[in-house]
Amino acid sequence: MKFQILYTKTASKDIQKLDRIVKSQIKKKIEIYIKNPLHYAKRLTDPRLGTYRWRIGNYRIVFDIDRENIIVLRIRHRRDVYK
């Protein structure tokens, strides 16, 4: 099953701040990951941040899954994402 990606306002702002090359890499990986999102995901220990995360290079994508939707909460550099 292929999921639909939804971005929160915060995640949309995070994307706009990214370098063009990084943005392209992240979009390509997300297209691969949405086919089987939990296979590539790691469960987060702090549920206040989100339920899962993907690692794409030095960036982390924090997200939740709701039936057929993947709700992207944050896209940040690994040093900043958990602060």
PDB file of N, CA and C in Angstrom:
ATOM      1  N   MET A   1       0.843  -1.175   0.000  1.00  0.00           N
ATOM      2  CA  MET A   1       0.000   0.000   0.000  1.00  0.00           C
ATOM      3  C   MET A   1       0.892   1.244   0.000  1.00  0.00           C
ATOM      4  N   LYS A   2       0.564   2.189  -0.837  1.00  0.00           N
ATOM      5  CA  LYS A   2       1.313   3.435  -0.903  1.00  0.00           C
ATOM      6  C   LYS A   2       0.594   4.484  -0.068  1.00  0.00           C
ATOM      7  N   PHE A   3       1.347   5.152   0.744  1.00  0.00           N
ATOM      8  CA  PHE A   3       0.795   6.157   1.640  1.00  0.00           C
ATOM      9  C   PHE A   3       0.834   7.533   0.992  1.00  0.00           C
ATOM     10  N   GLN A   4      -0.004   8.406   1.499  1.00  0.00           N
ATOM     11  CA  GLN A   4       0.001   9.797   1.066  1.00  0.00           C
ATOM     12  C   GLN A   4       0.785  10.597   2.107  1.00  0.00           C
ATOM     13  N   ILE A   5       1.612  11.516   1.654  1.00  0.00           N
ATOM     14  CA  ILE A   5       2.429  12.339   2.547  1.00  0.00           C
ATOM     15  C   ILE A   5       1.711  13.653   2.824  1.00  0.00           C
ATOM     16  N   LEU A   6       1.595  13.989   4.103  1.00  0.00           N
ATOM     17  CA  LEU A   6       1.047  15.272   4.528  1.00  0.00           C
ATOM     18  C   LEU A   6       2.109  15.976   5.365  1.00  0.00           C
ATOM     19  N   TYR A   7       2.276  17.266   5.155  1.00  0.00           N
ATOM     20  CA  TYR A   7       3.282  18.037   5.885  1.00  0.00           C
ATOM     21  C   TYR A   7       2.598  19.023   6.821  1.00  0.00           C
ATOM     22  N   THR A   8       3.085  19.112   8.051  1.00  0.00           N
ATOM     23  CA  THR A   8       2.593  20.135   8.965  1.00  0.00           C
ATOM     24  C   THR A   8       3.204  21.472   8.543  1.00  0.00           C
ATOM     25  N   LYS A   9       2.697  22.556   9.112  1.00  0.00           N
ATOM     26  CA  LYS A   9       3.255  23.874   8.795  1.00  0.00           C
ATOM     27  C   LYS A   9       4.727  23.942   9.185  1.00  0.00           C
ATOM     28  N   THR A  10       5.048  23.350  10.323  1.00  0.00           N
ATOM     29  CA  THR A  10       6.435  23.347  10.789  1.00  0.00           C
ATOM     30  C   THR A  10       7.334  22.594   9.820  1.00  0.00           C
ATOM     31  N   ALA A  11       6.883  21.448   9.349  1.00  0.00           N
ATOM     32  CA  ALA A  11       7.674  20.658   8.400  1.00  0.00           C
ATOM     33  C   ALA A  11       7.840  21.412   7.082  1.00  0.00           C
ATOM     34  N   SER A  12       6.797  22.096   6.647  1.00  0.00           N
ATOM     35  CA  SER A  12       6.892  22.884   5.411  1.00  0.00           C
ATOM     36  C   SER A  12       7.931  23.992   5.547  1.00  0.00           C
ATOM     37  N   LYS A  13       7.967  24.632   6.712  1.00  0.00           N
ATOM     38  CA  LYS A  13       8.976  25.668   6.956  1.00  0.00           C
ATOM     39  C   LYS A  13      10.372  25.064   6.979  1.00  0.00           C
ATOM     40  N   ASP A  14      10.485  23.876   7.588  1.00  0.00           N
ATOM     41  CA  ASP A  14      11.779  23.188   7.622  1.00  0.00           C
ATOM     42  C   ASP A  14      12.284  22.903   6.209  1.00  0.00           C
ATOM     43  N   ILE A  15      11.387  22.472   5.330  1.00  0.00           N
ATOM     44  CA  ILE A  15      11.760  22.161   3.947  1.00  0.00           C
ATOM     45  C   ILE A  15      12.247  23.415   3.225  1.00  0.00           C
ATOM     46  N   GLN A  16      11.561  24.523   3.430  1.00  0.00           N
ATOM     47  CA  GLN A  16      11.930  25.766   2.751  1.00  0.00           C
ATOM     48  C   GLN A  16      13.325  26.245   3.146  1.00  0.00           C
ATOM     49  N   LYS A  17      13.765  25.905   4.354  1.00  0.00           N
ATOM     50  CA  LYS A  17      15.077  26.346   4.842  1.00  0.00           C
ATOM     51  C   LYS A  17      16.225  25.494   4.304  1.00  0.00           C
ATOM     52  N   LEU A  18      15.906  24.349   3.725  1.00  0.00           N
ATOM     53  CA  LEU A  18      16.945  23.425   3.277  1.00  0.00           C
ATOM     54  C   LEU A  18      17.600  23.875   1.975  1.00  0.00           C
ATOM     55  N   ASP A  19      18.830  23.456   1.801  1.00  0.00           N
ATOM     56  CA  ASP A  19      19.571  23.658   0.566  1.00  0.00           C
ATOM     57  C   ASP A  19      18.871  22.901  -0.566  1.00  0.00           C
ATOM     58  N   ARG A  20      18.961  23.396  -1.769  1.00  0.00           N
ATOM     59  CA  ARG A  20      18.282  22.799  -2.918  1.00  0.00           C
ATOM     60  C   ARG A  20      18.690  21.339  -3.130  1.00  0.00           C
ATOM     61  N   ILE A  21      19.960  21.028  -2.979  1.00  0.00           N
ATOM     62  CA  ILE A  21      20.449  19.661  -3.190  1.00  0.00           C
ATOM     63  C   ILE A  21      19.920  18.725  -2.111  1.00  0.00           C
ATOM     64  N   VAL A  22      19.955  19.178  -0.863  1.00  0.00           N
ATOM     65  CA  VAL A  22      19.452  18.369   0.253  1.00  0.00           C
ATOM     66  C   VAL A  22      17.957  18.129   0.086  1.00  0.00           C
ATOM     67  N   LYS A  23      17.245  19.162  -0.313  1.00  0.00           N
ATOM     68  CA  LYS A  23      15.805  19.050  -0.531  1.00  0.00           C
ATOM     69  C   LYS A  23      15.501  17.984  -1.580  1.00  0.00           C
ATOM     70  N   SER A  24      16.272  17.971  -2.650  1.00  0.00           N
ATOM     71  CA  SER A  24      16.096  16.988  -3.715  1.00  0.00           C
ATOM     72  C   SER A  24      16.368  15.569  -3.210  1.00  0.00           C
ATOM     73  N   GLN A  25      17.438  15.398  -2.439  1.00  0.00           N
ATOM     74  CA  GLN A  25      17.764  14.079  -1.882  1.00  0.00           C
ATOM     75  C   GLN A  25      16.654  13.571  -0.972  1.00  0.00           C
ATOM     76  N   ILE A  26      16.139  14.449  -0.138  1.00  0.00           N
ATOM     77  CA  ILE A  26      15.088  14.061   0.800  1.00  0.00           C
ATOM     78  C   ILE A  26      13.820  13.666   0.052  1.00  0.00           C
ATOM     79  N   LYS A  27      13.444  14.428  -0.958  1.00  0.00           N
ATOM     80  CA  LYS A  27      12.238  14.100  -1.727  1.00  0.00           C
ATOM     81  C   LYS A  27      12.366  12.748  -2.424  1.00  0.00           C
ATOM     82  N   LYS A  28      13.549  12.455  -2.975  1.00  0.00           N
ATOM     83  CA  LYS A  28      13.764  11.159  -3.632  1.00  0.00           C
ATOM     84  C   LYS A  28      13.639  10.011  -2.638  1.00  0.00           C
ATOM     85  N   LYS A  29      14.232  10.169  -1.467  1.00  0.00           N
ATOM     86  CA  LYS A  29      14.176   9.114  -0.455  1.00  0.00           C
ATOM     87  C   LYS A  29      12.758   8.916   0.064  1.00  0.00           C
ATOM     88  N   ILE A  30      12.024   9.990   0.257  1.00  0.00           N
ATOM     89  CA  ILE A  30      10.647   9.875   0.739  1.00  0.00           C
ATOM     90  C   ILE A  30       9.813   9.073  -0.246  1.00  0.00           C
ATOM     91  N   GLU A  31      10.011   9.288  -1.536  1.00  0.00           N
ATOM     92  CA  GLU A  31       9.273   8.528  -2.551  1.00  0.00           C
ATOM     93  C   GLU A  31       9.553   7.034  -2.436  1.00  0.00           C
ATOM     94  N   ILE A  32      10.765   6.675  -2.071  1.00  0.00           N
ATOM     95  CA  ILE A  32      11.105   5.262  -1.864  1.00  0.00           C
ATOM     96  C   ILE A  32      10.497   4.758  -0.564  1.00  0.00           C
ATOM     97  N   TYR A  33      10.625   5.556   0.479  1.00  0.00           N
ATOM     98  CA  TYR A  33      10.203   5.135   1.819  1.00  0.00           C
ATOM     99  C   TYR A  33       8.689   4.984   1.967  1.00  0.00           C
ATOM    100  N   ILE A  34       7.898   5.737   1.221  1.00  0.00           N
ATOM    101  CA  ILE A  34       6.447   5.661   1.424  1.00  0.00           C
ATOM    102  C   ILE A  34       5.846   4.345   0.942  1.00  0.00           C
ATOM    103  N   LYS A  35       6.583   3.588   0.173  1.00  0.00           N
ATOM    104  CA  LYS A  35       6.074   2.283  -0.264  1.00  0.00           C
ATOM    105  C   LYS A  35       6.003   1.301   0.894  1.00  0.00           C
ATOM    106  N   ASN A  36       6.940   1.392   1.811  1.00  0.00           N
ATOM    107  CA  ASN A  36       6.963   0.536   3.003  1.00  0.00           C
ATOM    108  C   ASN A  36       7.601   1.338   4.142  1.00  0.00           C
ATOM    109  N   PRO A  37       6.866   2.286   4.715  1.00  0.00           N
ATOM    110  CA  PRO A  37       7.466   3.254   5.637  1.00  0.00           C
ATOM    111  C   PRO A  37       8.043   2.663   6.923  1.00  0.00           C
ATOM    112  N   LEU A  38       7.427   1.648   7.462  1.00  0.00           N
ATOM    113  CA  LEU A  38       7.904   1.113   8.735  1.00  0.00           C
ATOM    114  C   LEU A  38       9.169   0.280   8.585  1.00  0.00           C
ATOM    115  N   HIS A  39       9.414  -0.221   7.398  1.00  0.00           N
ATOM    116  CA  HIS A  39      10.635  -0.978   7.159  1.00  0.00           C
ATOM    117  C   HIS A  39      11.871  -0.089   7.327  1.00  0.00           C
ATOM    118  N   TYR A  40      11.769   1.153   6.903  1.00  0.00           N
ATOM    119  CA  TYR A  40      12.888   2.089   6.950  1.00  0.00           C
ATOM    120  C   TYR A  40      12.884   2.955   8.209  1.00  0.00           C
ATOM    121  N   ALA A  41      11.824   2.883   9.000  1.00  0.00           N
ATOM    122  CA  ALA A  41      11.649   3.781  10.139  1.00  0.00           C
ATOM    123  C   ALA A  41      12.212   3.196  11.427  1.00  0.00           C
ATOM    124  N   LYS A  42      12.488   4.105  12.337  1.00  0.00           N
ATOM    125  CA  LYS A  42      12.881   3.721  13.681  1.00  0.00           C
ATOM    126  C   LYS A  42      11.897   4.386  14.634  1.00  0.00           C
ATOM    127  N   ARG A  43      11.421   3.639  15.605  1.00  0.00           N
ATOM    128  CA  ARG A  43      10.455   4.158  16.568  1.00  0.00           C
ATOM    129  C   ARG A  43      11.175   5.080  17.550  1.00  0.00           C
ATOM    130  N   LEU A  44      10.575   6.229  17.837  1.00  0.00           N
ATOM    131  CA  LEU A  44      11.164   7.180  18.767  1.00  0.00           C
ATOM    132  C   LEU A  44      10.775   6.842  20.201  1.00  0.00           C
ATOM    133  N   THR A  45      11.671   7.117  21.131  1.00  0.00           N
ATOM    134  CA  THR A  45      11.392   6.818  22.539  1.00  0.00           C
ATOM    135  C   THR A  45      10.574   7.915  23.199  1.00  0.00           C
ATOM    136  N   ASP A  46      10.650   9.134  22.689  1.00  0.00           N
ATOM    137  CA  ASP A  46       9.886  10.251  23.250  1.00  0.00           C
ATOM    138  C   ASP A  46       8.688  10.535  22.345  1.00  0.00           C
ATOM    139  N   PRO A  47       7.484  10.135  22.751  1.00  0.00           N
ATOM    140  CA  PRO A  47       6.309  10.303  21.879  1.00  0.00           C
ATOM    141  C   PRO A  47       5.892  11.757  21.664  1.00  0.00           C
ATOM    142  N   ARG A  48       6.451  12.687  22.430  1.00  0.00           N
ATOM    143  CA  ARG A  48       6.100  14.100  22.233  1.00  0.00           C
ATOM    144  C   ARG A  48       6.646  14.627  20.911  1.00  0.00           C
ATOM    145  N   LEU A  49       7.726  14.043  20.430  1.00  0.00           N
ATOM    146  CA  LEU A  49       8.320  14.481  19.161  1.00  0.00           C
ATOM    147  C   LEU A  49       7.571  13.922  17.965  1.00  0.00           C
ATOM    148  N   GLY A  50       7.134  12.705  18.073  1.00  0.00           N
ATOM    149  CA  GLY A  50       6.487  11.976  16.996  1.00  0.00           C
ATOM    150  C   GLY A  50       6.644  10.497  17.275  1.00  0.00           C
ATOM    151  N   THR A  51       6.123   9.667  16.420  1.00  0.00           N
ATOM    152  CA  THR A  51       6.181   8.231  16.657  1.00  0.00           C
ATOM    153  C   THR A  51       7.387   7.586  15.991  1.00  0.00           C
ATOM    154  N   TYR A  52       7.718   8.027  14.779  1.00  0.00           N
ATOM    155  CA  TYR A  52       8.791   7.400  14.014  1.00  0.00           C
ATOM    156  C   TYR A  52       9.730   8.448  13.436  1.00  0.00           C
ATOM    157  N   ARG A  53      10.882   7.962  12.950  1.00  0.00           N
ATOM    158  CA  ARG A  53      11.796   8.836  12.224  1.00  0.00           C
ATOM    159  C   ARG A  53      12.493   8.056  11.121  1.00  0.00           C
ATOM    160  N   TRP A  54      12.797   8.779  10.053  1.00  0.00           N
ATOM    161  CA  TRP A  54      13.638   8.257   8.987  1.00  0.00           C
ATOM    162  C   TRP A  54      14.960   8.998   9.056  1.00  0.00           C
ATOM    163  N   ARG A  55      16.026   8.309   8.723  1.00  0.00           N
ATOM    164  CA  ARG A  55      17.347   8.920   8.656  1.00  0.00           C
ATOM    165  C   ARG A  55      17.725   9.044   7.188  1.00  0.00           C
ATOM    166  N   ILE A  56      17.976  10.261   6.762  1.00  0.00           N
ATOM    167  CA  ILE A  56      18.409  10.513   5.390  1.00  0.00           C
ATOM    168  C   ILE A  56      19.674  11.360   5.480  1.00  0.00           C
ATOM    169  N   GLY A  57      20.811  10.705   5.388  1.00  0.00           N
ATOM    170  CA  GLY A  57      22.084  11.405   5.561  1.00  0.00           C
ATOM    171  C   GLY A  57      22.168  11.997   6.954  1.00  0.00           C
ATOM    172  N   ASN A  58      22.435  13.290   7.029  1.00  0.00           N
ATOM    173  CA  ASN A  58      22.515  13.982   8.314  1.00  0.00           C
ATOM    174  C   ASN A  58      21.176  14.563   8.752  1.00  0.00           C
ATOM    175  N   TYR A  59      20.129  14.262   8.032  1.00  0.00           N
ATOM    176  CA  TYR A  59      18.813  14.809   8.347  1.00  0.00           C
ATOM    177  C   TYR A  59      17.892  13.726   8.883  1.00  0.00           C
ATOM    178  N   ARG A  60      16.956  14.152   9.727  1.00  0.00           N
ATOM    179  CA  ARG A  60      15.973  13.246  10.306  1.00  0.00           C
ATOM    180  C   ARG A  60      14.585  13.762   9.960  1.00  0.00           C
ATOM    181  N   ILE A  61      13.718  12.846   9.583  1.00  0.00           N
ATOM    182  CA  ILE A  61      12.329  13.183   9.292  1.00  0.00           C
ATOM    183  C   ILE A  61      11.486  12.511  10.360  1.00  0.00           C
ATOM    184  N   VAL A  62      10.850  13.314  11.191  1.00  0.00           N
ATOM    185  CA  VAL A  62      10.006  12.811  12.268  1.00  0.00           C
ATOM    186  C   VAL A  62       8.577  12.796  11.750  1.00  0.00           C
ATOM    187  N   PHE A  63       7.892  11.660  11.936  1.00  0.00           N
ATOM    188  CA  PHE A  63       6.549  11.539  11.376  1.00  0.00           C
ATOM    189  C   PHE A  63       5.665  10.611  12.197  1.00  0.00           C
ATOM    190  N   ASP A  64       4.375  10.706  11.947  1.00  0.00           N
ATOM    191  CA  ASP A  64       3.359   9.808  12.489  1.00  0.00           C
ATOM    192  C   ASP A  64       2.640   9.156  11.318  1.00  0.00           C
ATOM    193  N   ILE A  65       2.024   8.014  11.578  1.00  0.00           N
ATOM    194  CA  ILE A  65       1.237   7.333  10.552  1.00  0.00           C
ATOM    195  C   ILE A  65      -0.211   7.265  11.014  1.00  0.00           C
ATOM    196  N   ASP A  66      -1.111   7.656  10.119  1.00  0.00           N
ATOM    197  CA  ASP A  66      -2.543   7.631  10.397  1.00  0.00           C
ATOM    198  C   ASP A  66      -3.232   6.960   9.210  1.00  0.00           C
ATOM    199  N   ARG A  67      -3.552   5.701   9.351  1.00  0.00           N
ATOM    200  CA  ARG A  67      -4.158   4.880   8.295  1.00  0.00           C
ATOM    201  C   ARG A  67      -3.376   4.942   6.990  1.00  0.00           C
ATOM    202  N   GLU A  68      -3.816   5.746   6.023  1.00  0.00           N
ATOM    203  CA  GLU A  68      -3.132   5.824   4.729  1.00  0.00           C
ATOM    204  C   GLU A  68      -2.280   7.076   4.586  1.00  0.00           C
ATOM    205  N   ASN A  69      -2.106   7.819   5.668  1.00  0.00           N
ATOM    206  CA  ASN A  69      -1.358   9.070   5.610  1.00  0.00           C
ATOM    207  C   ASN A  69      -0.100   9.004   6.462  1.00  0.00           C
ATOM    208  N   ILE A  70       0.954   9.567   5.943  1.00  0.00           N
ATOM    209  CA  ILE A  70       2.161   9.796   6.722  1.00  0.00           C
ATOM    210  C   ILE A  70       2.202  11.294   6.979  1.00  0.00           C
ATOM    211  N   ILE A  71       2.170  11.669   8.243  1.00  0.00           N
ATOM    212  CA  ILE A  71       2.152  13.074   8.621  1.00  0.00           C
ATOM    213  C   ILE A  71       3.563  13.457   9.051  1.00  0.00           C
ATOM    214  N   VAL A  72       4.228  14.234   8.220  1.00  0.00           N
ATOM    215  CA  VAL A  72       5.594  14.666   8.505  1.00  0.00           C
ATOM    216  C   VAL A  72       5.528  15.839   9.469  1.00  0.00           C
ATOM    217  N   LEU A  73       6.189  15.674  10.622  1.00  0.00           N
ATOM    218  CA  LEU A  73       6.152  16.689  11.664  1.00  0.00           C
ATOM    219  C   LEU A  73       7.357  17.621  11.624  1.00  0.00           C
ATOM    220  N   ARG A  74       8.549  17.059  11.403  1.00  0.00           N
ATOM    221  CA  ARG A  74       9.777  17.854  11.371  1.00  0.00           C
ATOM    222  C   ARG A  74      10.752  17.279  10.363  1.00  0.00           C
ATOM    223  N   ILE A  75      11.542  18.142   9.766  1.00  0.00           N
ATOM    224  CA  ILE A  75      12.671  17.740   8.926  1.00  0.00           C
ATOM    225  C   ILE A  75      13.823  18.640   9.353  1.00  0.00           C
ATOM    226  N   ARG A  76      14.741  18.076  10.111  1.00  0.00           N
ATOM    227  CA  ARG A  76      15.825  18.882  10.666  1.00  0.00           C
ATOM    228  C   ARG A  76      17.145  18.129  10.599  1.00  0.00           C
ATOM    229  N   HIS A  77      18.226  18.873  10.751  1.00  0.00           N
ATOM    230  CA  HIS A  77      19.554  18.274  10.852  1.00  0.00           C
ATOM    231  C   HIS A  77      19.608  17.451  12.134  1.00  0.00           C
ATOM    232  N   ARG A  78      20.399  16.411  12.140  1.00  0.00           N
ATOM    233  CA  ARG A  78      20.427  15.489  13.271  1.00  0.00           C
ATOM    234  C   ARG A  78      20.834  16.157  14.577  1.00  0.00           C
ATOM    235  N   ARG A  79      21.620  17.226  14.521  1.00  0.00           N
ATOM    236  CA  ARG A  79      22.036  17.892  15.757  1.00  0.00           C
ATOM    237  C   ARG A  79      20.923  18.758  16.355  1.00  0.00           C
ATOM    238  N   ASP A  80      19.911  19.099  15.548  1.00  0.00           N
ATOM    239  CA  ASP A  80      18.857  20.007  16.009  1.00  0.00           C
ATOM    240  C   ASP A  80      17.491  19.362  16.193  1.00  0.00           C
ATOM    241  N   VAL A  81      17.273  18.213  15.628  1.00  0.00           N
ATOM    242  CA  VAL A  81      15.915  17.669  15.540  1.00  0.00           C
ATOM    243  C   VAL A  81      15.312  17.314  16.896  1.00  0.00           C
ATOM    244  N   TYR A  82      16.103  16.879  17.848  1.00  0.00           N
ATOM    245  CA  TYR A  82      15.548  16.416  19.119  1.00  0.00           C
ATOM    246  C   TYR A  82      15.552  17.483  20.204  1.00  0.00           C
ATOM    247  N   LYS A  83      15.924  18.703  19.865  1.00  0.00           N
ATOM    248  CA  LYS A  83      15.966  19.793  20.859  1.00  0.00           C
ATOM    249  C   LYS A  83      14.611  20.402  21.051  1.00  0.00           C
TER     250      LYS A  83
END
